[in-house]
Amino acid sequence: MGTVFSFDIRDPGDWADALAEAVAWLHEVDETFSTYRADSAVSRLGRGELSLRECSAQVQEVFALCEQVCAESKGAFSMRAAGRLDPSGMVKGWAIERASDLLAAHGCRNHAVNGGGDIQMEGESAPGQPWRIGIADPQQSQRVLTVVAGRNLAVATSGTAERGPHIVDPRTGNAAVGLASVTVVGRQLTLVDAYATAAFVMGPDARAWLESLDGYEGLVVHADGSMESTSGWSALTRS
């Protein structure tokens, strides 16, 4: 998927089989959804060689989720941005969350799965200790703006710090450049990641939209470095 994945398991024991299954899953997702592989299901769908009905249940699930967030965000999120089929804005968070589910199915109760800085965390980092995730300053990558702390949560950030203006506003076809970053926190990474992307595209409307979502909190960093957050954000953070 063009990024680095890591697994942080805090439970004692031998988790080699669980990790092998999770890694195999991520490779399967890449083979199915990659827009860079000519033989992937998504590439074939884009060329009209397949219909959605002919695709796997996994592809149909991701496409349904894309349509859901497109409707919720009034088009700020789409899998058809820039004139081509690309569900990547949904796939990574969905794949990470399910990799975490695979570890949990093997009995691993305390772990984190990180894909390019988007993280699904289960349980605790140590007995009685929450996970603590630093949120980087998008304009000074070595500086931590704040720290999110909690158990059983997901964190995702969308912005321009790592890859420049790469997030397309599907409503205009142009790169979204109004904000520096948006971080969203919730229970499950699939929607947390997608909501971060949609909110980033919304620019000045991001905070208000995130406030309207039940069970999610967000931090918005504007291009001038100013910040605003949803009403429940402070309860998640430690300076």
C-alpha atoms as a PDB file:
ATOM      1  CA  MET A   1       0.000   0.000   0.000  1.00  0.00           C
ATOM      2  CA  GLY A   2       3.000   2.266  -0.341  1.00  0.00           C
ATOM      3  CA  THR A   3       3.604   2.640   3.385  1.00  0.00           C
ATOM      4  CA  VAL A   4       5.126   0.869   6.408  1.00  0.00           C
ATOM      5  CA  PHE A   5       3.100  -1.351   8.748  1.00  0.00           C
ATOM      6  CA  SER A   6       4.146  -2.328  12.260  1.00  0.00           C
ATOM      7  CA  PHE A   7       2.743  -4.530  15.014  1.00  0.00           C
ATOM      8  CA  ASP A   8       3.212  -3.827  18.724  1.00  0.00           C
ATOM      9  CA  ILE A   9       2.136  -6.797  20.855  1.00  0.00           C
ATOM     10  CA  ARG A  10       2.195  -6.326  24.620  1.00  0.00           C
ATOM     11  CA  ASP A  11       0.946  -9.797  25.627  1.00  0.00           C
ATOM     12  CA  PRO A  12       3.549 -12.448  26.540  1.00  0.00           C
ATOM     13  CA  GLY A  13       3.761 -15.551  24.384  1.00  0.00           C
ATOM     14  CA  ASP A  14       4.559 -16.711  20.864  1.00  0.00           C
ATOM     15  CA  TRP A  15       2.493 -14.763  18.361  1.00  0.00           C
ATOM     16  CA  ALA A  16       4.331 -15.845  15.202  1.00  0.00           C
ATOM     17  CA  ASP A  17       1.310 -17.592  13.663  1.00  0.00           C
ATOM     18  CA  ALA A  18      -1.010 -14.685  14.425  1.00  0.00           C
ATOM     19  CA  LEU A  19       1.434 -12.207  12.933  1.00  0.00           C
ATOM     20  CA  ALA A  20       1.930 -14.345   9.832  1.00  0.00           C
ATOM     21  CA  GLU A  21      -1.829 -14.448   9.267  1.00  0.00           C
ATOM     22  CA  ALA A  22      -2.153 -10.678   9.729  1.00  0.00           C
ATOM     23  CA  VAL A  23       0.726  -9.962   7.339  1.00  0.00           C
ATOM     24  CA  ALA A  24      -0.712 -12.363   4.752  1.00  0.00           C
ATOM     25  CA  TRP A  25      -4.023 -10.516   5.062  1.00  0.00           C
ATOM     26  CA  LEU A  26      -2.375  -7.170   4.342  1.00  0.00           C
ATOM     27  CA  HIS A  27      -0.708  -8.594   1.231  1.00  0.00           C
ATOM     28  CA  GLU A  28      -4.062  -9.998   0.100  1.00  0.00           C
ATOM     29  CA  VAL A  29      -5.650  -6.563   0.521  1.00  0.00           C
ATOM     30  CA  ASP A  30      -2.877  -4.981  -1.528  1.00  0.00           C
ATOM     31  CA  GLU A  31      -3.328  -7.531  -4.315  1.00  0.00           C
ATOM     32  CA  THR A  32      -7.076  -6.910  -4.389  1.00  0.00           C
ATOM     33  CA  PHE A  33      -7.299  -3.130  -4.011  1.00  0.00           C
ATOM     34  CA  SER A  34      -4.033  -1.740  -5.398  1.00  0.00           C
ATOM     35  CA  THR A  35      -4.534   0.933  -8.047  1.00  0.00           C
ATOM     36  CA  TYR A  36      -0.940   0.295  -9.194  1.00  0.00           C
ATOM     37  CA  ARG A  37      -1.424  -3.381 -10.059  1.00  0.00           C
ATOM     38  CA  ALA A  38      -3.042  -3.924 -13.442  1.00  0.00           C
ATOM     39  CA  ASP A  39      -4.426  -7.297 -12.325  1.00  0.00           C
ATOM     40  CA  SER A  40      -6.088  -6.131  -9.097  1.00  0.00           C
ATOM     41  CA  ALA A  41      -9.856  -6.292  -8.788  1.00  0.00           C
ATOM     42  CA  VAL A  42     -10.034  -2.508  -8.404  1.00  0.00           C
ATOM     43  CA  SER A  43      -7.989  -1.905 -11.552  1.00  0.00           C
ATOM     44  CA  ARG A  44     -10.145  -4.358 -13.491  1.00  0.00           C
ATOM     45  CA  LEU A  45     -13.285  -2.680 -12.157  1.00  0.00           C
ATOM     46  CA  GLY A  46     -11.946   0.677 -13.251  1.00  0.00           C
ATOM     47  CA  ARG A  47     -11.385  -0.608 -16.778  1.00  0.00           C
ATOM     48  CA  GLY A  48     -14.860  -2.137 -16.911  1.00  0.00           C
ATOM     49  CA  GLU A  49     -13.562  -5.725 -17.055  1.00  0.00           C
ATOM     50  CA  LEU A  50     -15.463  -6.668 -13.900  1.00  0.00           C
ATOM     51  CA  SER A  51     -18.758  -5.665 -12.373  1.00  0.00           C
ATOM     52  CA  LEU A  52     -19.067  -5.079  -8.644  1.00  0.00           C
ATOM     53  CA  ARG A  53     -21.424  -8.053  -8.452  1.00  0.00           C
ATOM     54  CA  GLU A  54     -18.621 -10.274  -9.766  1.00  0.00           C
ATOM     55  CA  CYS A  55     -16.193  -9.122  -7.071  1.00  0.00           C
ATOM     56  CA  SER A  56     -15.547 -10.633  -3.665  1.00  0.00           C
ATOM     57  CA  ALA A  57     -17.617  -9.819  -0.604  1.00  0.00           C
ATOM     58  CA  GLN A  58     -14.650  -7.826   0.698  1.00  0.00           C
ATOM     59  CA  VAL A  59     -14.642  -5.520  -2.318  1.00  0.00           C
ATOM     60  CA  GLN A  60     -18.393  -5.061  -2.058  1.00  0.00           C
ATOM     61  CA  GLU A  61     -18.059  -4.250   1.663  1.00  0.00           C
ATOM     62  CA  VAL A  62     -15.409  -1.574   1.034  1.00  0.00           C
ATOM     63  CA  PHE A  63     -17.427  -0.007  -1.764  1.00  0.00           C
ATOM     64  CA  ALA A  64     -20.524   0.114   0.462  1.00  0.00           C
ATOM     65  CA  LEU A  65     -18.482   1.839   3.174  1.00  0.00           C
ATOM     66  CA  CYS A  66     -17.187   4.353   0.624  1.00  0.00           C
ATOM     67  CA  GLU A  67     -20.718   5.172  -0.453  1.00  0.00           C
ATOM     68  CA  GLN A  68     -21.754   5.537   3.194  1.00  0.00           C
ATOM     69  CA  VAL A  69     -19.031   8.079   3.993  1.00  0.00           C
ATOM     70  CA  CYS A  70     -19.599   9.877   0.687  1.00  0.00           C
ATOM     71  CA  ALA A  71     -23.226  10.406   1.714  1.00  0.00           C
ATOM     72  CA  GLU A  72     -22.331  11.383   5.304  1.00  0.00           C
ATOM     73  CA  SER A  73     -19.757  13.921   4.105  1.00  0.00           C
ATOM     74  CA  LYS A  74     -21.915  15.251   1.247  1.00  0.00           C
ATOM     75  CA  GLY A  75     -19.296  14.287  -1.310  1.00  0.00           C
ATOM     76  CA  ALA A  76     -16.154  15.401   0.512  1.00  0.00           C
ATOM     77  CA  PHE A  77     -15.115  11.734   0.532  1.00  0.00           C
ATOM     78  CA  SER A  78     -15.351   9.676  -2.644  1.00  0.00           C
ATOM     79  CA  MET A  79     -13.792   6.618  -4.273  1.00  0.00           C
ATOM     80  CA  ARG A  80     -14.107   8.272  -7.670  1.00  0.00           C
ATOM     81  CA  ALA A  81     -11.941  11.343  -7.223  1.00  0.00           C
ATOM     82  CA  ALA A  82      -9.945  12.802 -10.115  1.00  0.00           C
ATOM     83  CA  GLY A  83     -11.909  10.816 -12.672  1.00  0.00           C
ATOM     84  CA  ARG A  84     -10.733   7.341 -11.675  1.00  0.00           C
ATOM     85  CA  LEU A  85     -11.827   4.588  -9.343  1.00  0.00           C
ATOM     86  CA  ASP A  86      -9.718   4.687  -6.171  1.00  0.00           C
ATOM     87  CA  PRO A  87     -11.073   3.443  -2.813  1.00  0.00           C
ATOM     88  CA  SER A  88      -7.669   3.868  -1.128  1.00  0.00           C
ATOM     89  CA  GLY A  89      -9.067   6.420   1.338  1.00  0.00           C
ATOM     90  CA  MET A  90     -11.121   3.617   2.885  1.00  0.00           C
ATOM     91  CA  VAL A  91      -8.944   0.572   2.310  1.00  0.00           C
ATOM     92  CA  LYS A  92      -5.984   1.239   4.607  1.00  0.00           C
ATOM     93  CA  GLY A  93      -7.975   1.866   7.788  1.00  0.00           C
ATOM     94  CA  TRP A  94     -10.265  -1.058   6.983  1.00  0.00           C
ATOM     95  CA  ALA A  95      -7.290  -3.373   6.407  1.00  0.00           C
ATOM     96  CA  ILE A  96      -5.529  -2.298   9.619  1.00  0.00           C
ATOM     97  CA  GLU A  97      -8.665  -2.770  11.710  1.00  0.00           C
ATOM     98  CA  ARG A  98      -9.148  -6.269  10.354  1.00  0.00           C
ATOM     99  CA  ALA A  99      -5.501  -7.153  10.909  1.00  0.00           C
ATOM    100  CA  SER A 100      -6.103  -6.172  14.529  1.00  0.00           C
ATOM    101  CA  ASP A 101      -9.214  -8.375  14.561  1.00  0.00           C
ATOM    102  CA  LEU A 102      -7.090 -11.323  13.369  1.00  0.00           C
ATOM    103  CA  LEU A 103      -4.669 -10.833  16.255  1.00  0.00           C
ATOM    104  CA  ALA A 104      -7.588 -10.640  18.687  1.00  0.00           C
ATOM    105  CA  ALA A 105      -9.028 -13.859  17.244  1.00  0.00           C
ATOM    106  CA  HIS A 106      -5.764 -15.580  18.208  1.00  0.00           C
ATOM    107  CA  GLY A 107      -6.186 -14.338  21.789  1.00  0.00           C
ATOM    108  CA  CYS A 108      -3.955 -11.277  21.588  1.00  0.00           C
ATOM    109  CA  ARG A 109      -5.823  -8.750  23.724  1.00  0.00           C
ATOM    110  CA  ASN A 110      -3.259  -5.957  24.047  1.00  0.00           C
ATOM    111  CA  HIS A 111      -1.730  -4.767  20.785  1.00  0.00           C
ATOM    112  CA  ALA A 112      -1.470  -1.957  18.275  1.00  0.00           C
ATOM    113  CA  VAL A 113      -1.367  -2.147  14.477  1.00  0.00           C
ATOM    114  CA  ASN A 114       0.123   0.897  12.769  1.00  0.00           C
ATOM    115  CA  GLY A 115      -0.079   1.597   9.055  1.00  0.00           C
ATOM    116  CA  GLY A 116       1.645   4.802   8.039  1.00  0.00           C
ATOM    117  CA  GLY A 117       0.741   6.504  11.323  1.00  0.00           C
ATOM    118  CA  ASP A 118      -2.886   5.382  11.408  1.00  0.00           C
ATOM    119  CA  ILE A 119      -3.290   3.085  14.397  1.00  0.00           C
ATOM    120  CA  GLN A 120      -5.774   0.587  15.781  1.00  0.00           C
ATOM    121  CA  MET A 121      -5.126  -0.095  19.476  1.00  0.00           C
ATOM    122  CA  GLU A 122      -6.652  -2.827  21.604  1.00  0.00           C
ATOM    123  CA  GLY A 123      -6.463  -3.242  25.347  1.00  0.00           C
ATOM    124  CA  GLU A 124      -3.634  -1.521  27.178  1.00  0.00           C
ATOM    125  CA  SER A 125       0.034  -0.758  26.595  1.00  0.00           C
ATOM    126  CA  ALA A 126       0.821  -2.325  30.016  1.00  0.00           C
ATOM    127  CA  PRO A 127      -1.352  -3.499  32.928  1.00  0.00           C
ATOM    128  CA  GLY A 128      -3.249  -0.453  34.136  1.00  0.00           C
ATOM    129  CA  GLN A 129      -1.650   1.809  31.514  1.00  0.00           C
ATOM    130  CA  PRO A 130      -3.415   3.313  28.469  1.00  0.00           C
ATOM    131  CA  TRP A 131      -1.854   3.570  25.054  1.00  0.00           C
ATOM    132  CA  ARG A 132      -0.278   6.980  24.443  1.00  0.00           C
ATOM    133  CA  ILE A 133       0.018   8.311  20.884  1.00  0.00           C
ATOM    134  CA  GLY A 134       1.837  11.519  20.046  1.00  0.00           C
ATOM    135  CA  ILE A 135       0.254  13.777  17.421  1.00  0.00           C
ATOM    136  CA  ALA A 136       2.988  15.411  15.351  1.00  0.00           C
ATOM    137  CA  ASP A 137       2.994  19.064  14.383  1.00  0.00           C
ATOM    138  CA  PRO A 138       2.363  19.005  10.603  1.00  0.00           C
ATOM    139  CA  GLN A 139       4.639  22.023  10.165  1.00  0.00           C
ATOM    140  CA  GLN A 140       7.463  20.813  12.473  1.00  0.00           C
ATOM    141  CA  SER A 141       7.542  17.031  12.260  1.00  0.00           C
ATOM    142  CA  GLN A 142       9.876  16.610  15.257  1.00  0.00           C
ATOM    143  CA  ARG A 143       7.474  18.492  17.548  1.00  0.00           C
ATOM    144  CA  VAL A 144       4.585  16.793  19.317  1.00  0.00           C
ATOM    145  CA  LEU A 145       1.448  18.911  19.495  1.00  0.00           C
ATOM    146  CA  THR A 146      -0.308  16.751  22.049  1.00  0.00           C
ATOM    147  CA  VAL A 147      -0.732  13.151  23.184  1.00  0.00           C
ATOM    148  CA  VAL A 148      -3.858  11.013  22.854  1.00  0.00           C
ATOM    149  CA  ALA A 149      -4.277   8.478  25.654  1.00  0.00           C
ATOM    150  CA  GLY A 150      -6.781   5.667  25.933  1.00  0.00           C
ATOM    151  CA  ARG A 151      -7.725   2.027  25.667  1.00  0.00           C
ATOM    152  CA  ASN A 152      -9.420   0.301  22.737  1.00  0.00           C
ATOM    153  CA  LEU A 153      -9.255   3.211  20.321  1.00  0.00           C
ATOM    154  CA  ALA A 154      -8.154   4.220  16.844  1.00  0.00           C
ATOM    155  CA  VAL A 155      -6.261   7.324  15.729  1.00  0.00           C
ATOM    156  CA  ALA A 156      -5.810   8.610  12.181  1.00  0.00           C
ATOM    157  CA  THR A 157      -4.327  11.796  10.747  1.00  0.00           C
ATOM    158  CA  SER A 158      -4.782  13.220   7.261  1.00  0.00           C
ATOM    159  CA  GLY A 159      -2.619  16.060   6.009  1.00  0.00           C
ATOM    160  CA  THR A 160       0.150  17.279   3.753  1.00  0.00           C
ATOM    161  CA  ALA A 161       3.186  16.891   6.047  1.00  0.00           C
ATOM    162  CA  GLU A 162       4.476  13.564   4.730  1.00  0.00           C
ATOM    163  CA  ARG A 163       3.350  13.483   1.095  1.00  0.00           C
ATOM    164  CA  GLY A 164       2.521  17.076   0.221  1.00  0.00           C
ATOM    165  CA  PRO A 165      -0.871  18.048  -1.297  1.00  0.00           C
ATOM    166  CA  HIS A 166      -1.992  14.546  -2.304  1.00  0.00           C
ATOM    167  CA  ILE A 167      -5.583  14.489  -1.022  1.00  0.00           C
ATOM    168  CA  VAL A 168      -7.995  15.398  -3.817  1.00  0.00           C
ATOM    169  CA  ASP A 169     -11.254  17.218  -3.175  1.00  0.00           C
ATOM    170  CA  PRO A 170     -13.649  15.089  -5.261  1.00  0.00           C
ATOM    171  CA  ARG A 171     -16.041  18.013  -5.551  1.00  0.00           C
ATOM    172  CA  THR A 172     -13.503  20.133  -7.466  1.00  0.00           C
ATOM    173  CA  GLY A 173     -10.873  17.689  -8.698  1.00  0.00           C
ATOM    174  CA  ASN A 174      -8.155  19.827  -7.101  1.00  0.00           C
ATOM    175  CA  ALA A 175      -5.841  19.043  -4.198  1.00  0.00           C
ATOM    176  CA  ALA A 176      -7.239  20.048  -0.800  1.00  0.00           C
ATOM    177  CA  VAL A 177      -4.864  22.618   0.697  1.00  0.00           C
ATOM    178  CA  GLY A 178      -6.963  24.611   3.180  1.00  0.00           C
ATOM    179  CA  LEU A 179      -5.701  22.778   6.279  1.00  0.00           C
ATOM    180  CA  ALA A 180      -2.380  21.429   7.562  1.00  0.00           C
ATOM    181  CA  SER A 181      -3.829  18.310   9.193  1.00  0.00           C
ATOM    182  CA  VAL A 182      -6.854  16.681  10.771  1.00  0.00           C
ATOM    183  CA  THR A 183      -6.597  13.987  13.454  1.00  0.00           C
ATOM    184  CA  VAL A 184      -9.639  11.888  14.346  1.00  0.00           C
ATOM    185  CA  VAL A 185     -10.055   9.512  17.289  1.00  0.00           C
ATOM    186  CA  GLY A 186     -12.750   6.877  17.670  1.00  0.00           C
ATOM    187  CA  ARG A 187     -13.215   3.189  18.399  1.00  0.00           C
ATOM    188  CA  GLN A 188     -12.635   1.608  14.980  1.00  0.00           C
ATOM    189  CA  LEU A 189     -10.076   2.706  12.422  1.00  0.00           C
ATOM    190  CA  THR A 190     -12.119   2.013   9.291  1.00  0.00           C
ATOM    191  CA  LEU A 191     -14.338   5.059   9.756  1.00  0.00           C
ATOM    192  CA  VAL A 192     -11.838   7.046  11.847  1.00  0.00           C
ATOM    193  CA  ASP A 193      -9.422   7.088   8.891  1.00  0.00           C
ATOM    194  CA  ALA A 194     -12.111   7.851   6.316  1.00  0.00           C
ATOM    195  CA  TYR A 195     -13.561  10.644   8.461  1.00  0.00           C
ATOM    196  CA  ALA A 196     -10.103  12.215   8.840  1.00  0.00           C
ATOM    197  CA  THR A 197      -9.768  12.324   5.051  1.00  0.00           C
ATOM    198  CA  ALA A 198     -13.244  13.762   4.556  1.00  0.00           C
ATOM    199  CA  ALA A 199     -12.734  16.393   7.253  1.00  0.00           C
ATOM    200  CA  PHE A 200      -9.406  17.451   5.761  1.00  0.00           C
ATOM    201  CA  VAL A 201     -11.124  18.050   2.414  1.00  0.00           C
ATOM    202  CA  MET A 202     -13.800  20.161   4.125  1.00  0.00           C
ATOM    203  CA  GLY A 203     -11.282  22.771   5.225  1.00  0.00           C
ATOM    204  CA  PRO A 204     -12.872  25.383   7.514  1.00  0.00           C
ATOM    205  CA  ASP A 205     -15.995  23.227   7.959  1.00  0.00           C
ATOM    206  CA  ALA A 206     -14.022  20.288   9.350  1.00  0.00           C
ATOM    207  CA  ARG A 207     -14.440  20.875  13.071  1.00  0.00           C
ATOM    208  CA  ALA A 208     -18.183  21.482  12.919  1.00  0.00           C
ATOM    209  CA  TRP A 209     -18.702  18.341  10.858  1.00  0.00           C
ATOM    210  CA  LEU A 210     -16.629  16.207  13.209  1.00  0.00           C
ATOM    211  CA  GLU A 211     -18.590  17.624  16.142  1.00  0.00           C
ATOM    212  CA  SER A 212     -21.751  16.262  14.534  1.00  0.00           C
ATOM    213  CA  LEU A 213     -20.427  12.676  14.493  1.00  0.00           C
ATOM    214  CA  ASP A 214     -21.381  10.607  17.517  1.00  0.00           C
ATOM    215  CA  GLY A 215     -18.443   8.768  19.080  1.00  0.00           C
ATOM    216  CA  TYR A 216     -15.655  10.670  17.324  1.00  0.00           C
ATOM    217  CA  GLU A 217     -13.385  13.527  18.342  1.00  0.00           C
ATOM    218  CA  GLY A 218     -11.015  15.579  16.219  1.00  0.00           C
ATOM    219  CA  LEU A 219      -8.161  18.068  16.180  1.00  0.00           C
ATOM    220  CA  VAL A 220      -7.918  20.458  13.222  1.00  0.00           C
ATOM    221  CA  VAL A 221      -4.653  22.256  12.449  1.00  0.00           C
ATOM    222  CA  HIS A 222      -5.006  25.172  10.039  1.00  0.00           C
ATOM    223  CA  ALA A 223      -2.411  26.238   7.502  1.00  0.00           C
ATOM    224  CA  ASP A 224      -1.381  29.156   9.723  1.00  0.00           C
ATOM    225  CA  GLY A 225      -0.701  26.804  12.648  1.00  0.00           C
ATOM    226  CA  SER A 226      -3.822  27.687  14.627  1.00  0.00           C
ATOM    227  CA  MET A 227      -5.821  24.791  16.055  1.00  0.00           C
ATOM    228  CA  GLU A 228      -9.382  23.961  16.981  1.00  0.00           C
ATOM    229  CA  SER A 229     -10.899  20.782  18.331  1.00  0.00           C
ATOM    230  CA  THR A 230     -14.200  19.097  19.057  1.00  0.00           C
ATOM    231  CA  SER A 231     -15.737  19.463  22.499  1.00  0.00           C
ATOM    232  CA  GLY A 232     -14.601  16.074  23.775  1.00  0.00           C
ATOM    233  CA  TRP A 233     -11.028  16.255  22.523  1.00  0.00           C
ATOM    234  CA  SER A 234      -9.482  17.534  25.754  1.00  0.00           C
ATOM    235  CA  ALA A 235     -10.698  14.447  27.627  1.00  0.00           C
ATOM    236  CA  LEU A 236      -8.538  12.275  25.355  1.00  0.00           C
ATOM    237  CA  THR A 237      -5.297  14.206  25.598  1.00  0.00           C
ATOM    238  CA  ARG A 238      -2.430  14.818  27.935  1.00  0.00           C
ATOM    239  CA  SER A 239      -0.018  17.684  27.306  1.00  0.00           C
END
